[in-house]
Amino acid sequence: MIGMTTDMSNVEKKAEKLSAVLDVYEAHLAKNKYIAGDAFTLADLNHMPDIYLLLKSAKADLITSRPHVKAWWDDISARPSWKKTAASIPV
């Protein structure tokens, strides 16, 4: 929350859990272009705000260290509609 002290031990615990999920995504995206298969769907769209903010944090390597997850992100975040949306997200 804004103005509150960050509990870094909680951040690390959550990062470990997210890392495990992203390992599953990495394997899935090695075989599929998008989360739900061959087409961009709400399954992909749902992740965009969180990944956008994650990439602005010290934990960006959770995304950038996984080549298939990063390629997926690069693809979906290149959409003009996302670029317009991202420009309005306060960071």
Protein backbone atom coordinates (compact mmCIF):
# COMPACT_ATOMS: atom_id res chain seq x y z
CA MET A 1 0.00 0.00 0.00
CA ILE A 2 1.15 3.50 -0.72
CA GLY A 3 2.89 5.07 2.24
CA MET A 4 3.37 1.82 4.11
CA THR A 5 6.63 0.03 4.81
CA THR A 6 7.37 -2.86 2.48
CA ASP A 7 7.72 -6.22 4.19
CA MET A 8 10.67 -7.58 2.22
CA SER A 9 10.33 -11.07 3.66
CA ASN A 10 6.80 -11.18 2.27
CA VAL A 11 8.05 -9.87 -1.09
CA GLU A 12 10.58 -12.70 -1.24
CA LYS A 13 7.97 -15.33 -0.34
CA LYS A 14 5.62 -14.05 -3.04
CA ALA A 15 8.48 -13.87 -5.56
CA GLU A 16 9.26 -17.54 -4.90
CA LYS A 17 5.64 -18.51 -5.52
CA LEU A 18 5.48 -16.39 -8.66
CA SER A 19 8.73 -17.92 -9.88
CA ALA A 20 7.20 -21.39 -9.68
CA VAL A 21 4.15 -20.25 -11.66
CA LEU A 22 6.34 -18.57 -14.26
CA ASP A 23 8.32 -21.80 -14.68
CA VAL A 24 5.05 -23.46 -15.71
CA TYR A 25 4.30 -20.55 -18.07
CA GLU A 26 7.79 -20.86 -19.56
CA ALA A 27 7.21 -24.51 -20.41
CA HIS A 28 3.72 -23.78 -21.76
CA LEU A 29 4.86 -20.82 -23.87
CA ALA A 30 7.66 -22.91 -25.36
CA LYS A 31 4.89 -24.81 -27.16
CA ASN A 32 2.13 -22.19 -27.46
CA LYS A 33 2.13 -18.61 -28.69
CA TYR A 34 -0.31 -17.44 -26.03
CA ILE A 35 -1.56 -18.58 -22.63
CA ALA A 36 -4.73 -20.16 -24.03
CA GLY A 37 -3.21 -21.44 -27.29
CA ASP A 38 -2.81 -19.83 -30.69
CA ALA A 39 -4.91 -16.70 -30.19
CA PHE A 40 -4.55 -13.66 -27.94
CA THR A 41 -7.35 -13.87 -25.36
CA LEU A 42 -8.46 -12.50 -22.02
CA ALA A 43 -6.09 -15.04 -20.46
CA ASP A 44 -3.17 -12.99 -21.83
CA LEU A 45 -4.79 -9.60 -21.33
CA ASN A 46 -5.42 -10.32 -17.66
CA HIS A 47 -1.67 -10.49 -16.96
CA MET A 48 -0.66 -7.26 -18.64
CA PRO A 49 -1.01 -4.66 -15.84
CA ASP A 50 0.74 -6.86 -13.28
CA ILE A 51 3.61 -7.78 -15.57
CA TYR A 52 3.99 -4.16 -16.64
CA LEU A 53 4.45 -3.12 -13.01
CA LEU A 54 6.62 -6.12 -12.20
CA LEU A 55 8.99 -5.13 -15.00
CA LYS A 56 9.35 -1.70 -13.38
CA SER A 57 10.45 -3.32 -10.11
CA ALA A 58 13.59 -4.94 -8.75
CA LYS A 59 11.98 -8.32 -9.55
CA ALA A 60 11.88 -7.76 -13.34
CA ASP A 61 14.21 -10.73 -13.77
CA LEU A 62 11.28 -13.00 -12.93
CA ILE A 63 10.07 -12.17 -16.46
CA THR A 64 13.26 -11.30 -18.33
CA SER A 65 15.13 -14.45 -17.28
CA ARG A 66 12.58 -16.71 -18.96
CA PRO A 67 13.01 -16.45 -22.75
CA HIS A 68 9.56 -17.74 -23.72
CA VAL A 69 7.76 -15.63 -21.12
CA LYS A 70 9.75 -12.59 -22.22
CA ALA A 71 9.02 -13.25 -25.91
CA TRP A 72 5.32 -13.60 -25.07
CA TRP A 73 5.42 -10.33 -23.13
CA ASP A 74 7.28 -8.55 -25.92
CA ASP A 75 4.62 -9.73 -28.38
CA ILE A 76 1.54 -8.83 -26.37
CA SER A 77 2.92 -5.54 -25.04
CA ALA A 78 3.75 -4.35 -28.58
CA ARG A 79 0.05 -3.94 -29.36
CA PRO A 80 -0.92 -0.29 -29.96
CA SER A 81 -3.89 -0.61 -27.60
CA TRP A 82 -1.58 -1.77 -24.80
CA LYS A 83 0.93 1.01 -25.45
CA LYS A 84 -1.87 3.55 -25.10
CA THR A 85 -3.08 1.90 -21.89
CA ALA A 86 0.41 1.57 -20.41
CA ALA A 87 1.05 5.27 -20.97
CA SER A 88 -1.79 6.02 -18.55
CA ILE A 89 -0.59 3.73 -15.74
CA PRO A 90 1.08 5.72 -12.95
CA VAL A 91 4.33 4.15 -11.85
